[in-house]
Amino acid sequence: MLYIFRHMKETVYLLLILLFTISCQRNEIVKTHGIAYLEKREKLIFVNKSNKNDTINIFGQPSTKGMTNDNLWIYIERTMTKGKMFKLGRNYLTKNNVLVLEFDKYGILKKKELSSIEDMKKLTFAKNITENEIRKENFVYSFLSSVRQKMQTQRKD
């Protein structure tokens, strides 16, 4: 009886280990958002030679166009992968490429700039906070006006 119990215990352990190893995926899970292989495709267009039609054939429609300038096109590639088992499966950013293309009024490519995740890590931001005095005054004025209106409507009743 004791032998059967030990044998069952070993079998359960083996099944658990087998289940654990089968459920763990060995291949990386890669999630891509935007244009895949942006760095390779960027080499297919040339400044002062390529036009908007060439760009659309290679990249497709842009992810974003400039707010005030339709001749500024932005393409994005963002790749996330799952972490290893010991990192509890958190997502990690592996690629974050941004390609900015600027065309002239004739549709010819005048400037292209590719920024990678390493370039973005080098960016520094100002720590100063800009106060908007006009907005504060407008908020205070509108708040006091609404309180005054409420007080006047209560007097009429």
N, C-alpha and C. Protein backbone atom coordinates (compact mmCIF):
# COMPACT_ATOMS: atom_id res chain seq x y z
N MET A 1 0.82 -1.19 0.00
CA MET A 1 0.00 0.00 0.00
C MET A 1 0.87 1.26 0.00
N LEU A 2 1.92 1.22 0.81
CA LEU A 2 2.84 2.35 0.88
C LEU A 2 3.55 2.54 -0.46
N TYR A 3 3.87 1.44 -1.12
CA TYR A 3 4.53 1.50 -2.41
C TYR A 3 3.62 2.17 -3.46
N ILE A 4 2.35 1.85 -3.43
CA ILE A 4 1.38 2.42 -4.38
C ILE A 4 1.23 3.91 -4.14
N PHE A 5 1.21 4.32 -2.89
CA PHE A 5 1.07 5.73 -2.55
C PHE A 5 2.29 6.53 -3.05
N ARG A 6 3.50 5.98 -2.86
CA ARG A 6 4.71 6.65 -3.34
C ARG A 6 4.71 6.73 -4.87
N HIS A 7 4.30 5.65 -5.48
CA HIS A 7 4.25 5.62 -6.93
C HIS A 7 3.24 6.65 -7.46
N MET A 8 2.10 6.78 -6.80
CA MET A 8 1.10 7.76 -7.18
C MET A 8 1.62 9.18 -6.99
N LYS A 9 2.33 9.38 -5.91
CA LYS A 9 2.89 10.69 -5.61
C LYS A 9 3.89 11.10 -6.70
N GLU A 10 4.74 10.18 -7.12
CA GLU A 10 5.71 10.46 -8.18
C GLU A 10 5.00 10.74 -9.50
N THR A 11 3.94 10.01 -9.75
CA THR A 11 3.18 10.21 -10.98
C THR A 11 2.54 11.60 -11.01
N VAL A 12 1.99 12.02 -9.87
CA VAL A 12 1.38 13.35 -9.78
C VAL A 12 2.43 14.42 -10.01
N TYR A 13 3.60 14.27 -9.42
CA TYR A 13 4.68 15.24 -9.62
C TYR A 13 5.10 15.30 -11.08
N LEU A 14 5.23 14.15 -11.70
CA LEU A 14 5.61 14.11 -13.11
C LEU A 14 4.55 14.78 -13.99
N LEU A 15 3.29 14.54 -13.68
CA LEU A 15 2.21 15.17 -14.44
C LEU A 15 2.22 16.69 -14.26
N LEU A 16 2.46 17.15 -13.04
CA LEU A 16 2.52 18.59 -12.80
C LEU A 16 3.68 19.23 -13.55
N ILE A 17 4.84 18.59 -13.52
CA ILE A 17 6.00 19.13 -14.24
C ILE A 17 5.73 19.12 -15.74
N LEU A 18 5.14 18.06 -16.24
CA LEU A 18 4.82 17.97 -17.65
C LEU A 18 3.82 19.06 -18.05
N LEU A 19 2.78 19.24 -17.26
CA LEU A 19 1.78 20.26 -17.52
C LEU A 19 2.41 21.65 -17.50
N PHE A 20 3.28 21.89 -16.55
CA PHE A 20 3.93 23.19 -16.42
C PHE A 20 4.82 23.49 -17.62
N THR A 21 5.58 22.51 -18.07
CA THR A 21 6.47 22.74 -19.21
C THR A 21 5.71 22.85 -20.52
N ILE A 22 4.60 22.15 -20.64
CA ILE A 22 3.81 22.24 -21.87
C ILE A 22 3.10 23.59 -21.94
N SER A 23 2.62 24.08 -20.82
CA SER A 23 1.86 25.33 -20.83
C SER A 23 2.75 26.55 -21.02
N CYS A 24 4.04 26.44 -20.72
CA CYS A 24 4.96 27.55 -20.95
C CYS A 24 5.32 27.59 -22.43
N GLN A 25 5.17 28.74 -23.01
CA GLN A 25 5.46 28.87 -24.43
C GLN A 25 6.93 29.22 -24.61
N ARG A 26 7.58 28.55 -25.51
CA ARG A 26 9.01 28.78 -25.73
C ARG A 26 9.24 29.93 -26.70
N ASN A 27 8.33 30.14 -27.63
CA ASN A 27 8.49 31.22 -28.60
C ASN A 27 8.06 32.54 -27.98
N GLU A 28 8.73 33.61 -28.40
CA GLU A 28 8.37 34.93 -27.91
C GLU A 28 7.05 35.37 -28.53
N ILE A 29 6.25 36.03 -27.73
CA ILE A 29 5.01 36.61 -28.22
C ILE A 29 5.32 38.05 -28.58
N VAL A 30 5.16 38.39 -29.85
CA VAL A 30 5.51 39.72 -30.34
C VAL A 30 4.23 40.39 -30.83
N LYS A 31 3.94 41.58 -30.32
CA LYS A 31 2.79 42.35 -30.76
C LYS A 31 3.32 43.62 -31.43
N THR A 32 2.97 43.80 -32.70
CA THR A 32 3.43 44.97 -33.45
C THR A 32 2.25 45.88 -33.74
N HIS A 33 2.47 47.17 -33.51
CA HIS A 33 1.46 48.19 -33.80
C HIS A 33 2.08 49.14 -34.82
N GLY A 34 1.39 49.41 -35.88
CA GLY A 34 1.90 50.32 -36.90
C GLY A 34 2.52 49.56 -38.06
N ILE A 35 3.51 50.17 -38.69
CA ILE A 35 4.17 49.62 -39.87
C ILE A 35 5.30 48.70 -39.42
N ALA A 36 5.27 47.45 -39.85
CA ALA A 36 6.33 46.50 -39.49
C ALA A 36 7.58 46.78 -40.33
N TYR A 37 8.73 46.55 -39.75
CA TYR A 37 10.04 46.71 -40.41
C TYR A 37 10.22 48.12 -40.97
N LEU A 38 9.95 49.11 -40.16
CA LEU A 38 10.03 50.51 -40.59
C LEU A 38 11.46 50.90 -40.97
N GLU A 39 12.45 50.37 -40.25
CA GLU A 39 13.85 50.72 -40.54
C GLU A 39 14.27 50.23 -41.93
N LYS A 40 13.83 49.03 -42.31
CA LYS A 40 14.19 48.49 -43.62
C LYS A 40 13.46 49.23 -44.74
N ARG A 41 12.20 49.53 -44.52
CA ARG A 41 11.41 50.21 -45.55
C ARG A 41 11.87 51.66 -45.75
N GLU A 42 12.40 52.25 -44.68
CA GLU A 42 12.85 53.64 -44.76
C GLU A 42 13.98 53.79 -45.77
N LYS A 43 14.76 52.75 -45.95
CA LYS A 43 15.90 52.78 -46.88
C LYS A 43 15.45 52.72 -48.35
N LEU A 44 14.18 52.43 -48.59
CA LEU A 44 13.68 52.32 -49.96
C LEU A 44 13.24 53.66 -50.55
N ILE A 45 13.13 54.69 -49.72
CA ILE A 45 12.75 56.01 -50.23
C ILE A 45 13.96 56.95 -50.11
N PHE A 46 14.05 57.89 -51.06
CA PHE A 46 15.22 58.76 -51.15
C PHE A 46 14.79 60.22 -51.17
N VAL A 47 15.55 61.05 -50.48
CA VAL A 47 15.28 62.49 -50.44
C VAL A 47 15.53 63.06 -51.83
N ASN A 48 14.65 63.96 -52.25
CA ASN A 48 14.67 64.65 -53.55
C ASN A 48 14.43 63.72 -54.74
N LYS A 49 14.09 62.46 -54.51
CA LYS A 49 13.78 61.53 -55.61
C LYS A 49 12.39 60.92 -55.45
N SER A 50 12.06 60.48 -54.25
CA SER A 50 10.78 59.80 -54.01
C SER A 50 9.66 60.82 -53.86
N ASN A 51 8.45 60.41 -54.21
CA ASN A 51 7.29 61.28 -54.06
C ASN A 51 6.25 60.61 -53.17
N LYS A 52 5.10 61.26 -53.02
CA LYS A 52 4.05 60.74 -52.14
C LYS A 52 3.53 59.39 -52.61
N ASN A 53 3.42 59.20 -53.93
CA ASN A 53 2.92 57.92 -54.44
C ASN A 53 3.88 56.78 -54.13
N ASP A 54 5.18 57.03 -54.26
CA ASP A 54 6.17 56.01 -53.90
C ASP A 54 6.05 55.65 -52.43
N THR A 55 5.87 56.66 -51.62
CA THR A 55 5.77 56.45 -50.17
C THR A 55 4.53 55.63 -49.83
N ILE A 56 3.42 55.94 -50.46
CA ILE A 56 2.19 55.19 -50.19
C ILE A 56 2.33 53.74 -50.65
N ASN A 57 3.02 53.51 -51.77
CA ASN A 57 3.24 52.13 -52.24
C ASN A 57 4.10 51.33 -51.27
N ILE A 58 5.06 51.97 -50.62
CA ILE A 58 5.97 51.26 -49.71
C ILE A 58 5.38 51.13 -48.31
N PHE A 59 4.84 52.22 -47.77
CA PHE A 59 4.38 52.25 -46.38
C PHE A 59 2.87 52.15 -46.21
N GLY A 60 2.12 52.54 -47.22
CA GLY A 60 0.68 52.66 -47.06
C GLY A 60 0.36 54.08 -46.61
N GLN A 61 -0.88 54.30 -46.23
CA GLN A 61 -1.28 55.63 -45.76
C GLN A 61 -0.56 55.94 -44.44
N PRO A 62 -0.24 57.21 -44.19
CA PRO A 62 0.49 57.55 -42.96
C PRO A 62 -0.37 57.36 -41.72
N SER A 63 0.29 57.06 -40.61
CA SER A 63 -0.41 56.93 -39.33
C SER A 63 -1.00 58.27 -38.93
N THR A 64 -0.23 59.33 -39.15
CA THR A 64 -0.66 60.67 -38.77
C THR A 64 -0.13 61.65 -39.80
N LYS A 65 -0.93 62.67 -40.08
CA LYS A 65 -0.46 63.78 -40.91
C LYS A 65 -0.30 64.99 -40.01
N GLY A 66 0.48 65.96 -40.46
CA GLY A 66 0.71 67.17 -39.67
C GLY A 66 -0.59 67.89 -39.38
N MET A 67 -0.65 68.56 -38.23
CA MET A 67 -1.88 69.26 -37.84
C MET A 67 -2.18 70.44 -38.76
N THR A 68 -1.17 71.21 -39.08
CA THR A 68 -1.39 72.38 -39.93
C THR A 68 -0.82 72.18 -41.33
N ASN A 69 -0.02 71.14 -41.51
CA ASN A 69 0.67 70.91 -42.77
C ASN A 69 0.39 69.49 -43.24
N ASP A 70 -0.33 69.34 -44.34
CA ASP A 70 -0.61 68.00 -44.87
C ASP A 70 0.59 67.37 -45.55
N ASN A 71 1.67 68.13 -45.69
CA ASN A 71 2.88 67.61 -46.31
C ASN A 71 3.83 67.01 -45.28
N LEU A 72 3.41 66.86 -44.06
CA LEU A 72 4.20 66.23 -43.00
C LEU A 72 3.51 64.92 -42.64
N TRP A 73 4.17 63.80 -42.93
CA TRP A 73 3.60 62.48 -42.69
C TRP A 73 4.41 61.77 -41.62
N ILE A 74 3.70 61.05 -40.75
CA ILE A 74 4.36 60.35 -39.64
C ILE A 74 3.94 58.88 -39.68
N TYR A 75 4.93 57.99 -39.63
CA TYR A 75 4.72 56.55 -39.57
C TYR A 75 5.29 56.03 -38.26
N ILE A 76 4.60 55.08 -37.64
CA ILE A 76 4.97 54.58 -36.32
C ILE A 76 5.12 53.06 -36.36
N GLU A 77 6.12 52.56 -35.66
CA GLU A 77 6.29 51.12 -35.44
C GLU A 77 6.55 50.92 -33.95
N ARG A 78 5.71 50.12 -33.32
CA ARG A 78 5.86 49.85 -31.89
C ARG A 78 5.73 48.35 -31.68
N THR A 79 6.73 47.74 -31.06
CA THR A 79 6.74 46.30 -30.85
C THR A 79 6.89 46.00 -29.37
N MET A 80 5.97 45.18 -28.86
CA MET A 80 5.99 44.76 -27.46
C MET A 80 6.17 43.25 -27.42
N THR A 81 6.95 42.77 -26.45
CA THR A 81 7.12 41.33 -26.25
C THR A 81 6.83 41.00 -24.80
N LYS A 82 6.41 39.76 -24.59
CA LYS A 82 6.18 39.28 -23.24
C LYS A 82 7.51 38.97 -22.59
N GLY A 83 7.59 39.24 -21.29
CA GLY A 83 8.80 38.94 -20.54
C GLY A 83 8.92 37.46 -20.26
N LYS A 84 10.03 37.08 -19.69
CA LYS A 84 10.27 35.68 -19.35
C LYS A 84 9.38 35.27 -18.18
N MET A 85 9.42 33.99 -17.87
CA MET A 85 8.56 33.43 -16.83
C MET A 85 8.85 34.06 -15.47
N PHE A 86 10.12 34.35 -15.20
CA PHE A 86 10.48 34.90 -13.90
C PHE A 86 10.09 36.37 -13.77
N LYS A 87 9.81 37.03 -14.87
CA LYS A 87 9.36 38.42 -14.85
C LYS A 87 7.83 38.50 -14.82
N LEU A 88 7.18 37.40 -14.65
CA LEU A 88 5.72 37.29 -14.52
C LEU A 88 4.97 37.76 -15.77
N GLY A 89 5.59 37.61 -16.92
CA GLY A 89 4.90 37.86 -18.18
C GLY A 89 4.59 39.30 -18.48
N ARG A 90 5.30 40.25 -17.89
CA ARG A 90 5.05 41.67 -18.18
C ARG A 90 5.46 41.99 -19.62
N ASN A 91 4.78 42.97 -20.21
CA ASN A 91 5.12 43.39 -21.57
C ASN A 91 6.31 44.34 -21.54
N TYR A 92 7.21 44.17 -22.51
CA TYR A 92 8.37 45.04 -22.63
C TYR A 92 8.38 45.66 -24.02
N LEU A 93 8.72 46.93 -24.07
CA LEU A 93 8.82 47.64 -25.33
C LEU A 93 10.18 47.35 -25.95
N THR A 94 10.19 46.73 -27.12
CA THR A 94 11.46 46.40 -27.77
C THR A 94 11.78 47.35 -28.93
N LYS A 95 10.76 47.83 -29.63
CA LYS A 95 10.96 48.79 -30.72
C LYS A 95 9.94 49.91 -30.58
N ASN A 96 10.41 51.11 -30.80
CA ASN A 96 9.52 52.26 -30.83
C ASN A 96 10.09 53.24 -31.86
N ASN A 97 9.88 52.95 -33.12
CA ASN A 97 10.44 53.75 -34.21
C ASN A 97 9.39 54.71 -34.74
N VAL A 98 9.83 55.92 -35.04
CA VAL A 98 8.96 56.93 -35.63
C VAL A 98 9.67 57.52 -36.84
N LEU A 99 9.00 57.50 -37.98
CA LEU A 99 9.55 58.05 -39.21
C LEU A 99 8.73 59.29 -39.57
N VAL A 100 9.43 60.42 -39.69
CA VAL A 100 8.78 61.68 -40.05
C VAL A 100 9.25 62.06 -41.45
N LEU A 101 8.30 62.21 -42.35
CA LEU A 101 8.59 62.56 -43.75
C LEU A 101 8.00 63.93 -44.04
N GLU A 102 8.79 64.76 -44.71
CA GLU A 102 8.31 66.09 -45.07
C GLU A 102 8.42 66.25 -46.58
N PHE A 103 7.30 66.63 -47.20
CA PHE A 103 7.24 66.79 -48.65
C PHE A 103 7.12 68.27 -49.00
N ASP A 104 7.55 68.63 -50.22
CA ASP A 104 7.35 70.00 -50.67
C ASP A 104 5.97 70.13 -51.30
N LYS A 105 5.67 71.30 -51.86
CA LYS A 105 4.32 71.52 -52.41
C LYS A 105 4.05 70.70 -53.66
N TYR A 106 5.11 70.13 -54.26
CA TYR A 106 4.94 69.29 -55.44
C TYR A 106 4.86 67.80 -55.10
N GLY A 107 4.99 67.45 -53.83
CA GLY A 107 4.89 66.07 -53.40
C GLY A 107 6.21 65.31 -53.41
N ILE A 108 7.33 66.02 -53.56
CA ILE A 108 8.66 65.39 -53.56
C ILE A 108 9.18 65.38 -52.12
N LEU A 109 9.78 64.27 -51.73
CA LEU A 109 10.32 64.12 -50.37
C LEU A 109 11.50 65.06 -50.16
N LYS A 110 11.39 65.95 -49.18
CA LYS A 110 12.45 66.91 -48.89
C LYS A 110 13.25 66.54 -47.65
N LYS A 111 12.63 65.84 -46.72
CA LYS A 111 13.33 65.53 -45.46
C LYS A 111 12.74 64.26 -44.88
N LYS A 112 13.61 63.40 -44.37
CA LYS A 112 13.14 62.21 -43.66
C LYS A 112 13.98 62.05 -42.40
N GLU A 113 13.30 61.67 -41.33
CA GLU A 113 13.97 61.53 -40.04
C GLU A 113 13.40 60.31 -39.32
N LEU A 114 14.27 59.36 -39.00
CA LEU A 114 13.87 58.15 -38.29
C LEU A 114 14.39 58.23 -36.86
N SER A 115 13.48 58.13 -35.90
CA SER A 115 13.86 58.15 -34.48
C SER A 115 13.59 56.78 -33.90
N SER A 116 14.59 56.23 -33.22
CA SER A 116 14.43 54.92 -32.58
C SER A 116 14.25 55.11 -31.08
N ILE A 117 14.10 54.00 -30.37
CA ILE A 117 13.88 54.06 -28.93
C ILE A 117 15.12 54.62 -28.22
N GLU A 118 16.32 54.37 -28.78
CA GLU A 118 17.54 54.90 -28.18
C GLU A 118 17.59 56.42 -28.31
N ASP A 119 17.14 56.95 -29.46
CA ASP A 119 17.11 58.40 -29.65
C ASP A 119 16.12 59.05 -28.69
N MET A 120 15.01 58.38 -28.45
CA MET A 120 13.99 58.95 -27.57
C MET A 120 14.42 58.92 -26.11
N LYS A 121 15.29 57.99 -25.75
CA LYS A 121 15.80 57.96 -24.38
C LYS A 121 16.71 59.15 -24.10
N LYS A 122 17.32 59.71 -25.15
CA LYS A 122 18.23 60.83 -24.98
C LYS A 122 17.51 62.16 -24.82
N LEU A 123 16.22 62.21 -25.12
CA LEU A 123 15.46 63.45 -25.01
C LEU A 123 15.34 63.87 -23.56
N THR A 124 15.48 65.16 -23.32
CA THR A 124 15.28 65.70 -21.97
C THR A 124 14.11 66.67 -22.02
N PHE A 125 13.37 66.70 -20.95
CA PHE A 125 12.21 67.56 -20.86
C PHE A 125 12.41 68.56 -19.74
N ALA A 126 11.90 69.75 -19.93
CA ALA A 126 11.99 70.78 -18.90
C ALA A 126 11.11 70.40 -17.72
N LYS A 127 11.59 70.70 -16.53
CA LYS A 127 10.82 70.37 -15.33
C LYS A 127 9.99 71.55 -14.84
N ASN A 128 10.15 72.71 -15.48
CA ASN A 128 9.38 73.88 -15.08
C ASN A 128 7.93 73.72 -15.51
N ILE A 129 7.04 74.26 -14.70
CA ILE A 129 5.61 74.20 -14.99
C ILE A 129 5.16 75.59 -15.40
N THR A 130 4.50 75.68 -16.53
CA THR A 130 4.01 76.95 -17.03
C THR A 130 2.60 77.18 -16.51
N GLU A 131 2.41 78.29 -15.86
CA GLU A 131 1.09 78.65 -15.35
C GLU A 131 0.36 79.47 -16.41
N ASN A 132 -0.91 79.24 -16.56
CA ASN A 132 -1.73 79.97 -17.50
C ASN A 132 -2.62 80.91 -16.70
N GLU A 133 -2.21 82.16 -16.60
CA GLU A 133 -2.94 83.14 -15.80
C GLU A 133 -4.30 83.46 -16.41
N ILE A 134 -4.39 83.51 -17.70
CA ILE A 134 -5.65 83.86 -18.36
C ILE A 134 -6.70 82.80 -18.05
N ARG A 135 -6.32 81.55 -18.12
CA ARG A 135 -7.26 80.47 -17.85
C ARG A 135 -7.72 80.51 -16.39
N LYS A 136 -6.80 80.82 -15.47
CA LYS A 136 -7.18 80.91 -14.06
C LYS A 136 -8.21 82.01 -13.85
N GLU A 137 -7.95 83.18 -14.46
CA GLU A 137 -8.88 84.30 -14.29
C GLU A 137 -10.24 83.95 -14.90
N ASN A 138 -10.25 83.33 -16.05
CA ASN A 138 -11.51 82.96 -16.68
C ASN A 138 -12.27 81.95 -15.83
N PHE A 139 -11.56 81.00 -15.23
CA PHE A 139 -12.21 80.02 -14.38
C PHE A 139 -12.83 80.69 -13.16
N VAL A 140 -12.06 81.58 -12.51
CA VAL A 140 -12.56 82.27 -11.32
C VAL A 140 -13.75 83.13 -11.70
N TYR A 141 -13.65 83.86 -12.80
CA TYR A 141 -14.75 84.72 -13.23
C TYR A 141 -16.00 83.91 -13.54
N SER A 142 -15.84 82.80 -14.26
CA SER A 142 -17.02 81.99 -14.61
C SER A 142 -17.62 81.34 -13.36
N PHE A 143 -16.79 80.93 -12.42
CA PHE A 143 -17.29 80.34 -11.19
C PHE A 143 -18.07 81.36 -10.38
N LEU A 144 -17.52 82.56 -10.21
CA LEU A 144 -18.22 83.59 -9.44
C LEU A 144 -19.50 84.03 -10.15
N SER A 145 -19.49 84.08 -11.46
CA SER A 145 -20.69 84.45 -12.21
C SER A 145 -21.80 83.42 -12.00
N SER A 146 -21.44 82.14 -12.02
CA SER A 146 -22.46 81.12 -11.81
C SER A 146 -23.01 81.17 -10.39
N VAL A 147 -22.18 81.46 -9.41
CA VAL A 147 -22.66 81.59 -8.03
C VAL A 147 -23.59 82.78 -7.92
N ARG A 148 -23.23 83.91 -8.56
CA ARG A 148 -24.07 85.10 -8.52
C ARG A 148 -25.43 84.83 -9.16
N GLN A 149 -25.44 84.11 -10.29
CA GLN A 149 -26.70 83.78 -10.95
C GLN A 149 -27.58 82.90 -10.07
N LYS A 150 -26.98 81.94 -9.40
CA LYS A 150 -27.75 81.08 -8.50
C LYS A 150 -28.34 81.87 -7.35
N MET A 151 -27.58 82.81 -6.83
CA MET A 151 -28.08 83.63 -5.71
C MET A 151 -29.24 84.50 -6.18
N GLN A 152 -29.14 85.06 -7.39
CA GLN A 152 -30.21 85.92 -7.91
C GLN A 152 -31.48 85.13 -8.19
N THR A 153 -31.35 83.90 -8.68
CA THR A 153 -32.55 83.10 -8.94
C THR A 153 -33.22 82.69 -7.64
N GLN A 154 -32.46 82.49 -6.59
CA GLN A 154 -33.06 82.13 -5.30
C GLN A 154 -33.80 83.32 -4.69
N ARG A 155 -33.37 84.56 -4.93
CA ARG A 155 -34.05 85.75 -4.42
C ARG A 155 -35.40 85.94 -5.09
N LYS A 156 -35.48 85.62 -6.38
CA LYS A 156 -36.72 85.82 -7.13
C LYS A 156 -37.81 84.87 -6.66
N ASP A 157 -37.42 83.72 -6.14
CA ASP A 157 -38.42 82.72 -5.72
C ASP A 157 -39.04 83.09 -4.45
